Amino acid sequence: MDDDDNEMLDNTLEQFETYNDYLDSRMEENELFYLEDIELARQLIAVGSHGKGEIMTQEQFLQRKEAYQKAKKDRQNSNVKALAHATCPIEGDSFLMALAQREEALRNGRMTTIIFLRIANNGRNEISGYIDLADRMKTEDFRKIFMKKKLLVPKSSDLSFFNWDSNTTHLNDSANFRSDPNAKMGLQFRNLRDRKVINVNPDLSDPGDGTTREECISDDYT
């Protein structure tokens, strides 16, 4: 379940296209009502006469915005170089290719993904679970997974975990999602950034606003 969010990188100036947009965000409706001149209101805010706290000059605004764009580009380039799947033989494995397709977007914060797996763990107990993939990529060596030296398996610390033999259940929140059981809709998850609900029930045609569902068949999983 992939949830795209283009505003996940924290930058207070990213929302403003121009310096005027920035000034307008510091303006209250009653100020424009009394002044009846938006340009005058902007000038007063820019010189700090309205007590709005620290107000950047246009030059400071442009410098900070440019610095952020450069830092974001450098960060993305660094993330691409650090991709775990970059030199791994994943061709022909649809599951690993699906993970690799998402890795860059997950690592640079442009996407969140919930993955459901069901597997006979070590050939014994059958387990299943919903995993916050971006969260696991930060805490687990995925190069071993892409090199096929280990499998990605559900853990009791994931969003959900169920042991089909012992009927053991665990439900947790993660860095990106909150578990949100619903008596009518079943298990759901809420994105902590945009507050949107993800419906993971495969019987529902709509997984949620801004979310897509993809099914991947793998011989390693049930």
N, C-alpha and C. Protein backbone atom coordinates (compact mmCIF):
# COMPACT_ATOMS: atom_id res chain seq x y z
N MET A 1 0.87 -1.17 0.00
CA MET A 1 0.00 0.00 0.00
C MET A 1 0.91 1.22 0.00
N ASP A 2 0.91 1.95 -1.08
CA ASP A 2 1.84 3.06 -1.24
C ASP A 2 1.12 4.39 -1.10
N ASP A 3 1.60 5.22 -0.19
CA ASP A 3 0.98 6.52 0.07
C ASP A 3 1.99 7.60 -0.26
N ASP A 4 1.77 8.37 -1.35
CA ASP A 4 2.68 9.43 -1.75
C ASP A 4 2.40 10.69 -0.95
N ASP A 5 3.49 11.39 -0.57
CA ASP A 5 3.36 12.65 0.16
C ASP A 5 4.51 13.53 -0.25
N ASN A 6 4.23 14.56 -1.07
CA ASN A 6 5.28 15.41 -1.61
C ASN A 6 5.71 16.51 -0.66
N GLU A 7 5.14 16.56 0.55
CA GLU A 7 5.50 17.61 1.48
C GLU A 7 6.11 17.03 2.75
N MET A 8 6.66 15.80 2.66
CA MET A 8 7.14 15.15 3.87
C MET A 8 8.47 15.71 4.35
N LEU A 9 9.26 16.33 3.45
CA LEU A 9 10.51 16.94 3.87
C LEU A 9 10.21 18.26 4.56
N ASP A 10 10.73 18.41 5.77
CA ASP A 10 10.39 19.58 6.59
C ASP A 10 11.14 20.81 6.11
N ASN A 11 10.41 21.75 5.56
CA ASN A 11 11.01 23.03 5.15
C ASN A 11 9.92 24.08 5.16
N THR A 12 10.04 25.06 6.04
CA THR A 12 8.98 26.04 6.22
C THR A 12 8.82 26.97 5.03
N LEU A 13 9.85 27.12 4.19
CA LEU A 13 9.76 28.02 3.05
C LEU A 13 9.29 27.32 1.79
N GLU A 14 9.24 26.00 1.80
CA GLU A 14 8.89 25.26 0.59
C GLU A 14 7.47 25.60 0.12
N GLN A 15 6.62 25.98 1.05
CA GLN A 15 5.22 26.25 0.70
C GLN A 15 5.02 27.60 0.01
N PHE A 16 6.05 28.45 0.03
CA PHE A 16 5.92 29.79 -0.53
C PHE A 16 6.67 29.88 -1.87
N GLU A 17 5.93 30.20 -2.93
CA GLU A 17 6.55 30.34 -4.24
C GLU A 17 7.34 31.64 -4.35
N THR A 18 6.81 32.71 -3.76
CA THR A 18 7.43 34.03 -3.87
C THR A 18 7.55 34.68 -2.50
N TYR A 19 8.31 35.77 -2.44
CA TYR A 19 8.46 36.53 -1.20
C TYR A 19 7.12 37.14 -0.78
N ASN A 20 6.32 37.57 -1.75
CA ASN A 20 5.00 38.11 -1.42
C ASN A 20 4.11 37.06 -0.76
N ASP A 21 4.23 35.80 -1.23
CA ASP A 21 3.46 34.73 -0.60
C ASP A 21 3.86 34.58 0.87
N TYR A 22 5.15 34.70 1.12
CA TYR A 22 5.65 34.62 2.50
C TYR A 22 5.09 35.75 3.35
N LEU A 23 5.12 37.00 2.82
CA LEU A 23 4.58 38.13 3.57
C LEU A 23 3.08 37.98 3.80
N ASP A 24 2.37 37.50 2.78
CA ASP A 24 0.92 37.33 2.91
C ASP A 24 0.57 36.34 4.02
N SER A 25 1.45 35.35 4.24
CA SER A 25 1.17 34.35 5.28
C SER A 25 1.25 34.95 6.67
N ARG A 26 1.92 36.09 6.80
CA ARG A 26 2.05 36.77 8.10
C ARG A 26 1.00 37.86 8.29
N MET A 27 0.13 37.99 7.31
CA MET A 27 -0.87 39.05 7.32
C MET A 27 -2.20 38.54 7.88
N GLU A 28 -2.85 39.33 8.70
CA GLU A 28 -4.16 39.00 9.23
C GLU A 28 -5.24 39.73 8.44
N GLU A 29 -6.44 39.16 8.40
CA GLU A 29 -7.51 39.72 7.57
C GLU A 29 -7.87 41.14 7.98
N ASN A 30 -7.86 41.43 9.27
CA ASN A 30 -8.27 42.76 9.70
C ASN A 30 -7.27 43.84 9.28
N GLU A 31 -5.99 43.45 9.09
CA GLU A 31 -4.99 44.40 8.65
C GLU A 31 -5.29 44.87 7.23
N LEU A 32 -5.60 43.94 6.37
CA LEU A 32 -5.93 44.29 4.99
C LEU A 32 -7.24 45.07 4.93
N PHE A 33 -8.16 44.74 5.84
CA PHE A 33 -9.45 45.44 5.87
C PHE A 33 -9.26 46.92 6.18
N TYR A 34 -8.41 47.22 7.17
CA TYR A 34 -8.22 48.62 7.58
C TYR A 34 -7.31 49.38 6.61
N LEU A 35 -6.29 48.71 6.08
CA LEU A 35 -5.35 49.41 5.20
C LEU A 35 -5.89 49.56 3.78
N GLU A 36 -6.69 48.57 3.35
CA GLU A 36 -7.28 48.55 2.00
C GLU A 36 -6.23 48.65 0.90
N ASP A 37 -5.00 48.22 1.22
CA ASP A 37 -3.92 48.26 0.22
C ASP A 37 -2.95 47.12 0.55
N ILE A 38 -3.01 46.06 -0.24
CA ILE A 38 -2.20 44.89 0.07
C ILE A 38 -0.71 45.16 -0.03
N GLU A 39 -0.31 46.04 -0.97
CA GLU A 39 1.11 46.35 -1.12
C GLU A 39 1.62 47.11 0.10
N LEU A 40 0.82 48.03 0.63
CA LEU A 40 1.20 48.76 1.83
C LEU A 40 1.29 47.81 3.02
N ALA A 41 0.34 46.88 3.12
CA ALA A 41 0.35 45.92 4.22
C ALA A 41 1.61 45.06 4.16
N ARG A 42 1.99 44.66 2.95
CA ARG A 42 3.21 43.86 2.79
C ARG A 42 4.44 44.66 3.21
N GLN A 43 4.50 45.92 2.82
CA GLN A 43 5.65 46.76 3.16
C GLN A 43 5.78 46.92 4.67
N LEU A 44 4.66 47.11 5.36
CA LEU A 44 4.68 47.28 6.81
C LEU A 44 5.15 46.00 7.51
N ILE A 45 4.70 44.85 6.98
CA ILE A 45 5.13 43.58 7.56
C ILE A 45 6.62 43.37 7.30
N ALA A 46 7.09 43.71 6.09
CA ALA A 46 8.49 43.50 5.72
C ALA A 46 9.45 44.29 6.59
N VAL A 47 9.05 45.50 7.01
CA VAL A 47 9.93 46.33 7.85
C VAL A 47 9.73 46.04 9.34
N GLY A 48 8.82 45.11 9.65
CA GLY A 48 8.63 44.70 11.03
C GLY A 48 7.82 45.63 11.89
N SER A 49 7.05 46.51 11.28
CA SER A 49 6.31 47.50 12.07
C SER A 49 5.08 46.91 12.75
N HIS A 50 4.67 45.68 12.35
CA HIS A 50 3.46 45.10 12.92
C HIS A 50 3.77 44.11 14.04
N GLY A 51 5.02 44.04 14.47
CA GLY A 51 5.35 43.16 15.59
C GLY A 51 5.11 41.70 15.30
N LYS A 52 5.46 41.24 14.10
CA LYS A 52 5.22 39.86 13.70
C LYS A 52 6.38 38.93 14.07
N GLY A 53 7.28 39.40 14.91
CA GLY A 53 8.46 38.60 15.21
C GLY A 53 9.49 38.79 14.11
N GLU A 54 10.39 37.85 13.97
CA GLU A 54 11.43 37.97 12.96
C GLU A 54 10.84 37.84 11.56
N ILE A 55 11.05 38.86 10.75
CA ILE A 55 10.60 38.85 9.36
C ILE A 55 11.83 38.89 8.46
N MET A 56 11.93 37.93 7.56
CA MET A 56 13.07 37.89 6.64
C MET A 56 12.95 38.98 5.59
N THR A 57 14.09 39.49 5.18
CA THR A 57 14.11 40.38 4.03
C THR A 57 13.97 39.52 2.79
N GLN A 58 13.71 40.15 1.65
CA GLN A 58 13.58 39.39 0.41
C GLN A 58 14.89 38.67 0.09
N GLU A 59 16.02 39.33 0.36
CA GLU A 59 17.31 38.70 0.08
C GLU A 59 17.52 37.47 0.96
N GLN A 60 17.16 37.56 2.25
CA GLN A 60 17.28 36.42 3.15
C GLN A 60 16.36 35.28 2.72
N PHE A 61 15.15 35.65 2.31
CA PHE A 61 14.18 34.64 1.85
C PHE A 61 14.74 33.86 0.68
N LEU A 62 15.27 34.57 -0.32
CA LEU A 62 15.79 33.91 -1.52
C LEU A 62 17.03 33.07 -1.20
N GLN A 63 17.89 33.57 -0.31
CA GLN A 63 19.09 32.83 0.05
C GLN A 63 18.75 31.52 0.77
N ARG A 64 17.81 31.60 1.71
CA ARG A 64 17.43 30.40 2.46
C ARG A 64 16.72 29.39 1.56
N LYS A 65 15.89 29.89 0.66
CA LYS A 65 15.18 29.00 -0.24
C LYS A 65 16.16 28.29 -1.17
N GLU A 66 17.15 29.04 -1.67
CA GLU A 66 18.15 28.46 -2.56
C GLU A 66 19.01 27.44 -1.80
N ALA A 67 19.37 27.77 -0.56
CA ALA A 67 20.19 26.87 0.25
C ALA A 67 19.45 25.56 0.52
N TYR A 68 18.14 25.67 0.78
CA TYR A 68 17.37 24.46 1.03
C TYR A 68 17.28 23.58 -0.20
N GLN A 69 17.04 24.20 -1.36
CA GLN A 69 16.95 23.43 -2.60
C GLN A 69 18.25 22.70 -2.88
N LYS A 70 19.38 23.35 -2.62
CA LYS A 70 20.68 22.71 -2.83
C LYS A 70 20.87 21.56 -1.86
N ALA A 71 20.51 21.78 -0.58
CA ALA A 71 20.66 20.73 0.43
C ALA A 71 19.77 19.54 0.10
N LYS A 72 18.56 19.82 -0.39
CA LYS A 72 17.64 18.74 -0.74
C LYS A 72 18.18 17.93 -1.91
N LYS A 73 18.75 18.62 -2.90
CA LYS A 73 19.32 17.92 -4.05
C LYS A 73 20.51 17.07 -3.64
N ASP A 74 21.38 17.63 -2.78
CA ASP A 74 22.54 16.88 -2.30
C ASP A 74 22.10 15.65 -1.51
N ARG A 75 21.04 15.84 -0.71
CA ARG A 75 20.54 14.72 0.08
C ARG A 75 19.98 13.62 -0.80
N GLN A 76 19.25 14.00 -1.84
CA GLN A 76 18.69 13.01 -2.75
C GLN A 76 19.78 12.26 -3.49
N ASN A 77 20.84 13.00 -3.93
CA ASN A 77 21.95 12.35 -4.63
C ASN A 77 22.66 11.37 -3.71
N SER A 78 22.81 11.76 -2.44
CA SER A 78 23.45 10.89 -1.47
C SER A 78 22.63 9.64 -1.22
N ASN A 79 21.31 9.82 -1.15
CA ASN A 79 20.43 8.68 -0.94
C ASN A 79 20.48 7.70 -2.08
N VAL A 80 20.54 8.23 -3.30
CA VAL A 80 20.58 7.37 -4.48
C VAL A 80 21.84 6.51 -4.46
N LYS A 81 22.99 7.12 -4.09
CA LYS A 81 24.24 6.38 -4.03
C LYS A 81 24.20 5.29 -2.97
N ALA A 82 23.38 5.50 -1.93
CA ALA A 82 23.34 4.57 -0.81
C ALA A 82 22.26 3.50 -0.96
N LEU A 83 21.61 3.43 -2.11
CA LEU A 83 20.52 2.47 -2.28
C LEU A 83 21.04 1.05 -2.12
N ALA A 84 20.33 0.28 -1.29
CA ALA A 84 20.79 -1.07 -0.97
C ALA A 84 20.74 -2.01 -2.17
N HIS A 85 19.81 -1.75 -3.10
CA HIS A 85 19.64 -2.70 -4.21
C HIS A 85 20.55 -2.40 -5.40
N ALA A 86 21.33 -1.31 -5.32
CA ALA A 86 22.04 -0.78 -6.49
C ALA A 86 22.85 -1.82 -7.25
N THR A 87 23.56 -2.69 -6.57
CA THR A 87 24.43 -3.66 -7.26
C THR A 87 23.99 -5.10 -7.02
N CYS A 88 22.73 -5.29 -6.65
CA CYS A 88 22.25 -6.63 -6.31
C CYS A 88 21.53 -7.29 -7.48
N PRO A 89 21.65 -8.60 -7.61
CA PRO A 89 21.01 -9.33 -8.72
C PRO A 89 19.54 -9.62 -8.45
N ILE A 90 18.68 -8.64 -8.70
CA ILE A 90 17.26 -8.80 -8.36
C ILE A 90 16.39 -9.08 -9.59
N GLU A 91 16.99 -9.02 -10.79
CA GLU A 91 16.19 -9.22 -12.00
C GLU A 91 15.52 -10.60 -11.97
N GLY A 92 14.25 -10.61 -12.33
CA GLY A 92 13.50 -11.85 -12.36
C GLY A 92 12.78 -12.16 -11.07
N ASP A 93 13.10 -11.47 -9.98
CA ASP A 93 12.41 -11.66 -8.71
C ASP A 93 11.43 -10.50 -8.54
N SER A 94 10.16 -10.78 -8.78
CA SER A 94 9.16 -9.70 -8.80
C SER A 94 9.03 -9.00 -7.46
N PHE A 95 9.20 -9.73 -6.36
CA PHE A 95 9.08 -9.13 -5.04
C PHE A 95 10.24 -8.17 -4.76
N LEU A 96 11.46 -8.62 -5.00
CA LEU A 96 12.61 -7.76 -4.76
C LEU A 96 12.61 -6.56 -5.71
N MET A 97 12.14 -6.76 -6.93
CA MET A 97 12.06 -5.65 -7.88
C MET A 97 11.03 -4.63 -7.41
N ALA A 98 9.96 -5.08 -6.80
CA ALA A 98 8.94 -4.16 -6.28
C ALA A 98 9.51 -3.36 -5.11
N LEU A 99 10.32 -4.00 -4.26
CA LEU A 99 10.98 -3.29 -3.17
C LEU A 99 11.96 -2.26 -3.72
N ALA A 100 12.76 -2.68 -4.71
CA ALA A 100 13.77 -1.79 -5.28
C ALA A 100 13.14 -0.58 -5.96
N GLN A 101 11.99 -0.80 -6.59
CA GLN A 101 11.30 0.28 -7.28
C GLN A 101 10.91 1.40 -6.31
N ARG A 102 10.68 1.05 -5.05
CA ARG A 102 10.23 2.02 -4.06
C ARG A 102 11.36 2.56 -3.17
N GLU A 103 12.51 1.92 -3.19
CA GLU A 103 13.53 2.22 -2.19
C GLU A 103 13.94 3.69 -2.16
N GLU A 104 14.24 4.27 -3.30
CA GLU A 104 14.69 5.67 -3.31
C GLU A 104 13.62 6.59 -2.73
N ALA A 105 12.37 6.42 -3.17
CA ALA A 105 11.28 7.29 -2.69
C ALA A 105 11.04 7.10 -1.20
N LEU A 106 11.24 5.89 -0.70
CA LEU A 106 11.06 5.63 0.72
C LEU A 106 12.17 6.26 1.54
N ARG A 107 13.40 6.17 1.04
CA ARG A 107 14.54 6.68 1.80
C ARG A 107 14.60 8.20 1.80
N ASN A 108 14.13 8.85 0.71
CA ASN A 108 14.17 10.32 0.70
C ASN A 108 12.86 10.95 1.17
N GLY A 109 11.93 10.12 1.62
CA GLY A 109 10.72 10.64 2.24
C GLY A 109 9.62 11.08 1.30
N ARG A 110 9.67 10.67 0.04
CA ARG A 110 8.64 11.06 -0.91
C ARG A 110 7.47 10.08 -0.95
N MET A 111 7.61 8.95 -0.28
CA MET A 111 6.56 7.94 -0.30
C MET A 111 6.58 7.18 1.02
N THR A 112 5.41 6.70 1.43
CA THR A 112 5.34 5.73 2.51
C THR A 112 4.66 4.48 1.97
N THR A 113 5.03 3.34 2.51
CA THR A 113 4.49 2.07 2.02
C THR A 113 4.22 1.13 3.18
N ILE A 114 3.06 0.51 3.15
CA ILE A 114 2.73 -0.57 4.07
C ILE A 114 2.74 -1.86 3.27
N ILE A 115 3.48 -2.85 3.74
CA ILE A 115 3.57 -4.12 3.03
C ILE A 115 3.01 -5.23 3.90
N PHE A 116 2.19 -6.10 3.31
CA PHE A 116 1.66 -7.25 4.02
C PHE A 116 2.37 -8.50 3.54
N LEU A 117 2.86 -9.30 4.49
CA LEU A 117 3.54 -10.56 4.17
C LEU A 117 2.94 -11.69 5.00
N ARG A 118 2.87 -12.86 4.38
CA ARG A 118 2.50 -14.08 5.11
C ARG A 118 3.48 -15.16 4.70
N ILE A 119 4.08 -15.83 5.70
CA ILE A 119 5.17 -16.75 5.39
C ILE A 119 5.23 -17.85 6.45
N ALA A 120 5.65 -19.05 6.02
CA ALA A 120 5.94 -20.13 6.96
C ALA A 120 7.35 -19.89 7.49
N ASN A 121 7.46 -19.31 8.67
CA ASN A 121 8.74 -18.87 9.22
C ASN A 121 9.63 -20.06 9.54
N ASN A 122 10.79 -20.15 8.88
CA ASN A 122 11.75 -21.25 9.07
C ASN A 122 11.09 -22.61 8.86
N GLY A 123 10.07 -22.62 7.99
CA GLY A 123 9.41 -23.88 7.68
C GLY A 123 8.52 -24.39 8.80
N ARG A 124 8.33 -23.59 9.84
CA ARG A 124 7.55 -24.06 11.00
C ARG A 124 6.29 -23.19 11.16
N ASN A 125 6.32 -22.28 12.11
CA ASN A 125 5.15 -21.44 12.38
C ASN A 125 4.85 -20.54 11.20
N GLU A 126 3.57 -20.43 10.87
CA GLU A 126 3.17 -19.50 9.82
C GLU A 126 2.82 -18.16 10.47
N ILE A 127 3.43 -17.10 9.96
CA ILE A 127 3.22 -15.77 10.53
C ILE A 127 2.84 -14.80 9.42
N SER A 128 2.20 -13.70 9.80
CA SER A 128 1.88 -12.65 8.84
C SER A 128 1.93 -11.31 9.56
N GLY A 129 1.97 -10.24 8.77
CA GLY A 129 2.01 -8.93 9.40
C GLY A 129 2.02 -7.81 8.39
N TYR A 130 1.66 -6.62 8.88
CA TYR A 130 1.76 -5.39 8.09
C TYR A 130 2.99 -4.63 8.56
N ILE A 131 3.82 -4.20 7.61
CA ILE A 131 5.12 -3.60 7.91
C ILE A 131 5.20 -2.19 7.33
N ASP A 132 5.66 -1.25 8.14
CA ASP A 132 6.00 0.09 7.66
C ASP A 132 7.36 -0.03 6.98
N LEU A 133 7.36 -0.08 5.65
CA LEU A 133 8.57 -0.41 4.91
C LEU A 133 9.66 0.63 5.07
N ALA A 134 9.30 1.92 5.06
CA ALA A 134 10.30 2.97 5.22
C ALA A 134 10.97 2.87 6.59
N ASP A 135 10.18 2.55 7.60
CA ASP A 135 10.70 2.43 8.96
C ASP A 135 11.67 1.25 9.06
N ARG A 136 11.31 0.12 8.46
CA ARG A 136 12.18 -1.06 8.51
C ARG A 136 13.47 -0.82 7.73
N MET A 137 13.41 -0.05 6.65
CA MET A 137 14.61 0.21 5.86
C MET A 137 15.63 1.03 6.66
N LYS A 138 15.16 1.78 7.65
CA LYS A 138 16.07 2.57 8.48
C LYS A 138 16.73 1.72 9.56
N THR A 139 16.12 0.61 9.90
CA THR A 139 16.60 -0.17 11.04
C THR A 139 17.14 -1.55 10.66
N GLU A 140 17.06 -1.91 9.38
CA GLU A 140 17.47 -3.25 8.95
C GLU A 140 18.36 -3.15 7.72
N ASP A 141 19.31 -4.07 7.61
CA ASP A 141 20.23 -4.10 6.47
C ASP A 141 19.53 -4.74 5.28
N PHE A 142 18.98 -3.90 4.39
CA PHE A 142 18.23 -4.43 3.25
C PHE A 142 19.14 -4.95 2.14
N ARG A 143 20.43 -4.66 2.23
CA ARG A 143 21.33 -5.21 1.22
C ARG A 143 21.34 -6.74 1.31
N LYS A 144 21.26 -7.28 2.53
CA LYS A 144 21.20 -8.73 2.70
C LYS A 144 19.93 -9.30 2.09
N ILE A 145 18.84 -8.52 2.17
CA ILE A 145 17.58 -8.97 1.58
C ILE A 145 17.67 -8.96 0.07
N PHE A 146 18.22 -7.86 -0.49
CA PHE A 146 18.37 -7.78 -1.94
C PHE A 146 19.41 -8.79 -2.48
N MET A 147 20.36 -9.17 -1.64
CA MET A 147 21.35 -10.17 -2.04
C MET A 147 20.82 -11.59 -1.83
N LYS A 148 19.60 -11.71 -1.33
CA LYS A 148 18.92 -12.98 -1.09
C LYS A 148 19.62 -13.82 -0.03
N LYS A 149 20.26 -13.12 0.94
CA LYS A 149 20.90 -13.81 2.05
C LYS A 149 19.95 -13.96 3.22
N LYS A 150 18.85 -13.21 3.22
CA LYS A 150 17.83 -13.32 4.25
C LYS A 150 16.51 -12.85 3.67
N LEU A 151 15.42 -13.25 4.31
CA LEU A 151 14.09 -12.84 3.88
C LEU A 151 13.58 -11.71 4.76
N LEU A 152 12.75 -10.89 4.17
CA LEU A 152 12.02 -9.89 4.94
C LEU A 152 10.84 -10.58 5.59
N VAL A 153 10.79 -10.60 6.92
CA VAL A 153 9.71 -11.30 7.61
C VAL A 153 9.07 -10.37 8.63
N PRO A 154 7.79 -10.57 8.91
CA PRO A 154 7.10 -9.76 9.93
C PRO A 154 7.70 -10.00 11.31
N LYS A 155 7.71 -8.94 12.13
CA LYS A 155 8.19 -9.02 13.50
C LYS A 155 7.07 -8.55 14.44
N SER A 156 7.18 -8.94 15.69
CA SER A 156 6.16 -8.54 16.67
C SER A 156 6.16 -7.04 16.91
N SER A 157 7.23 -6.34 16.47
CA SER A 157 7.32 -4.89 16.64
C SER A 157 6.76 -4.12 15.44
N ASP A 158 6.32 -4.83 14.39
CA ASP A 158 5.77 -4.17 13.21
C ASP A 158 4.36 -3.64 13.48
N LEU A 159 3.78 -2.99 12.46
CA LEU A 159 2.44 -2.43 12.62
C LEU A 159 1.45 -3.48 13.13
N SER A 160 1.53 -4.68 12.55
CA SER A 160 0.74 -5.78 13.09
C SER A 160 1.51 -7.07 12.87
N PHE A 161 1.24 -8.04 13.74
CA PHE A 161 1.91 -9.33 13.67
C PHE A 161 0.92 -10.39 14.15
N PHE A 162 0.87 -11.51 13.41
CA PHE A 162 -0.04 -12.58 13.81
C PHE A 162 0.63 -13.93 13.57
N ASN A 163 0.67 -14.76 14.61
CA ASN A 163 1.16 -16.12 14.51
C ASN A 163 -0.04 -17.05 14.36
N TRP A 164 -0.13 -17.69 13.21
CA TRP A 164 -1.32 -18.48 12.88
C TRP A 164 -1.39 -19.77 13.68
N ASP A 165 -0.29 -20.21 14.26
CA ASP A 165 -0.30 -21.45 15.04
C ASP A 165 -0.64 -21.20 16.51
N SER A 166 -0.08 -20.14 17.07
CA SER A 166 -0.34 -19.84 18.49
C SER A 166 -1.43 -18.80 18.69
N ASN A 167 -1.92 -18.21 17.57
CA ASN A 167 -2.93 -17.14 17.63
C ASN A 167 -2.43 -15.93 18.41
N THR A 168 -1.13 -15.70 18.37
CA THR A 168 -0.53 -14.54 19.04
C THR A 168 -0.65 -13.31 18.15
N THR A 169 -1.13 -12.21 18.70
CA THR A 169 -1.34 -10.99 17.93
C THR A 169 -0.63 -9.81 18.59
N HIS A 170 0.00 -8.99 17.75
CA HIS A 170 0.60 -7.74 18.22
C HIS A 170 0.15 -6.62 17.29
N LEU A 171 -0.14 -5.45 17.85
CA LEU A 171 -0.56 -4.28 17.09
C LEU A 171 0.21 -3.07 17.61
N ASN A 172 0.89 -2.37 16.73
CA ASN A 172 1.75 -1.26 17.15
C ASN A 172 1.60 -0.06 16.22
N ASP A 173 2.06 1.09 16.72
CA ASP A 173 2.25 2.27 15.87
C ASP A 173 3.68 2.27 15.37
N SER A 174 3.94 3.01 14.28
CA SER A 174 5.29 3.09 13.74
C SER A 174 5.67 4.55 13.54
N ALA A 175 6.81 4.78 12.92
CA ALA A 175 7.27 6.15 12.68
C ALA A 175 6.35 6.91 11.74
N ASN A 176 5.64 6.19 10.85
CA ASN A 176 4.82 6.85 9.84
C ASN A 176 3.32 6.59 9.95
N PHE A 177 2.93 5.57 10.71
CA PHE A 177 1.52 5.18 10.75
C PHE A 177 1.05 4.88 12.18
N ARG A 178 -0.25 5.09 12.38
CA ARG A 178 -0.90 4.69 13.62
C ARG A 178 -1.90 3.60 13.32
N SER A 179 -1.85 2.52 14.06
CA SER A 179 -2.82 1.45 13.90
C SER A 179 -4.19 1.95 14.31
N ASP A 180 -5.19 1.67 13.47
CA ASP A 180 -6.52 2.25 13.68
C ASP A 180 -7.59 1.19 13.42
N PRO A 181 -7.77 0.23 14.35
CA PRO A 181 -8.79 -0.81 14.16
C PRO A 181 -10.19 -0.19 14.11
N ASN A 182 -11.01 -0.69 13.21
CA ASN A 182 -12.36 -0.17 13.05
C ASN A 182 -13.33 -1.35 13.02
N ALA A 183 -14.35 -1.31 13.87
CA ALA A 183 -15.27 -2.44 13.99
C ALA A 183 -15.96 -2.75 12.67
N LYS A 184 -16.24 -1.73 11.88
CA LYS A 184 -16.95 -1.94 10.62
C LYS A 184 -16.01 -2.19 9.45
N MET A 185 -14.92 -1.43 9.37
CA MET A 185 -14.02 -1.50 8.23
C MET A 185 -12.88 -2.49 8.43
N GLY A 186 -12.66 -2.94 9.66
CA GLY A 186 -11.53 -3.82 9.93
C GLY A 186 -10.28 -3.01 10.25
N LEU A 187 -9.11 -3.66 10.14
CA LEU A 187 -7.86 -3.00 10.47
C LEU A 187 -7.53 -1.91 9.44
N GLN A 188 -7.24 -0.72 9.95
CA GLN A 188 -6.84 0.40 9.10
C GLN A 188 -5.59 1.03 9.71
N PHE A 189 -4.92 1.86 8.91
CA PHE A 189 -3.77 2.59 9.41
C PHE A 189 -3.92 4.05 9.00
N ARG A 190 -3.50 4.95 9.90
CA ARG A 190 -3.60 6.38 9.63
C ARG A 190 -2.19 6.96 9.46
N ASN A 191 -1.98 7.64 8.32
CA ASN A 191 -0.70 8.28 8.07
C ASN A 191 -0.52 9.44 9.05
N LEU A 192 0.59 9.47 9.77
CA LEU A 192 0.79 10.47 10.82
C LEU A 192 1.09 11.85 10.25
N ARG A 193 1.44 11.95 8.96
CA ARG A 193 1.75 13.25 8.37
C ARG A 193 0.51 13.92 7.79
N ASP A 194 -0.20 13.23 6.91
CA ASP A 194 -1.36 13.87 6.28
C ASP A 194 -2.68 13.43 6.89
N ARG A 195 -2.62 12.52 7.90
CA ARG A 195 -3.80 12.07 8.65
C ARG A 195 -4.77 11.23 7.82
N LYS A 196 -4.38 10.87 6.61
CA LYS A 196 -5.27 10.07 5.76
C LYS A 196 -5.29 8.62 6.22
N VAL A 197 -6.44 7.97 6.01
CA VAL A 197 -6.62 6.58 6.43
C VAL A 197 -6.34 5.65 5.27
N ILE A 198 -5.58 4.58 5.55
CA ILE A 198 -5.28 3.56 4.54
C ILE A 198 -6.09 2.32 4.88
N ASN A 199 -6.92 1.88 3.94
CA ASN A 199 -7.73 0.67 4.12
C ASN A 199 -6.97 -0.51 3.54
N VAL A 200 -6.50 -1.43 4.41
CA VAL A 200 -5.69 -2.55 3.93
C VAL A 200 -6.53 -3.79 3.63
N ASN A 201 -7.83 -3.73 3.89
CA ASN A 201 -8.71 -4.86 3.61
C ASN A 201 -8.74 -5.12 2.10
N PRO A 202 -8.27 -6.29 1.64
CA PRO A 202 -8.23 -6.55 0.19
C PRO A 202 -9.61 -6.66 -0.45
N ASP A 203 -10.65 -6.82 0.37
CA ASP A 203 -12.01 -6.91 -0.17
C ASP A 203 -12.57 -5.53 -0.53
N LEU A 204 -11.89 -4.46 -0.09
CA LEU A 204 -12.33 -3.11 -0.40
C LEU A 204 -11.66 -2.63 -1.68
N SER A 205 -12.44 -2.06 -2.59
CA SER A 205 -11.89 -1.63 -3.88
C SER A 205 -11.03 -0.38 -3.75
N ASP A 206 -11.32 0.45 -2.74
CA ASP A 206 -10.60 1.71 -2.57
C ASP A 206 -9.72 1.65 -1.33
N PRO A 207 -8.40 1.64 -1.49
CA PRO A 207 -7.51 1.58 -0.32
C PRO A 207 -7.38 2.90 0.42
N GLY A 208 -7.91 3.99 -0.16
CA GLY A 208 -7.84 5.28 0.52
C GLY A 208 -7.37 6.38 -0.40
N ASP A 209 -7.62 7.62 0.01
CA ASP A 209 -7.26 8.79 -0.79
C ASP A 209 -5.74 8.88 -0.95
N GLY A 210 -5.28 8.95 -2.20
CA GLY A 210 -3.85 9.08 -2.48
C GLY A 210 -3.07 7.79 -2.32
N THR A 211 -3.77 6.67 -2.13
CA THR A 211 -3.10 5.39 -1.90
C THR A 211 -3.42 4.41 -3.02
N THR A 212 -2.43 3.64 -3.43
CA THR A 212 -2.63 2.58 -4.42
C THR A 212 -2.25 1.25 -3.80
N ARG A 213 -2.82 0.17 -4.33
CA ARG A 213 -2.52 -1.18 -3.85
C ARG A 213 -1.94 -2.00 -4.99
N GLU A 214 -0.88 -2.72 -4.70
CA GLU A 214 -0.27 -3.61 -5.69
C GLU A 214 -0.04 -4.97 -5.06
N GLU A 215 -0.45 -6.01 -5.78
CA GLU A 215 -0.26 -7.38 -5.29
C GLU A 215 0.93 -7.99 -5.99
N CYS A 216 1.79 -8.63 -5.22
CA CYS A 216 3.03 -9.21 -5.78
C CYS A 216 3.11 -10.67 -5.37
N ILE A 217 3.28 -11.55 -6.34
CA ILE A 217 3.38 -12.99 -6.07
C ILE A 217 4.83 -13.40 -5.93
N SER A 218 5.14 -14.14 -4.87
CA SER A 218 6.51 -14.60 -4.64
C SER A 218 6.49 -16.02 -4.10
N ASP A 219 7.40 -16.85 -4.62
CA ASP A 219 7.48 -18.24 -4.15
C ASP A 219 7.97 -18.33 -2.70
N ASP A 220 8.58 -17.27 -2.20
CA ASP A 220 9.10 -17.30 -0.83
C ASP A 220 8.03 -17.04 0.22
N TYR A 221 6.85 -16.57 -0.23
CA TYR A 221 5.81 -16.19 0.71
C TYR A 221 4.49 -16.89 0.38
N THR A 222 3.70 -17.08 1.43
CA THR A 222 2.38 -17.68 1.25
C THR A 222 1.46 -16.73 0.50
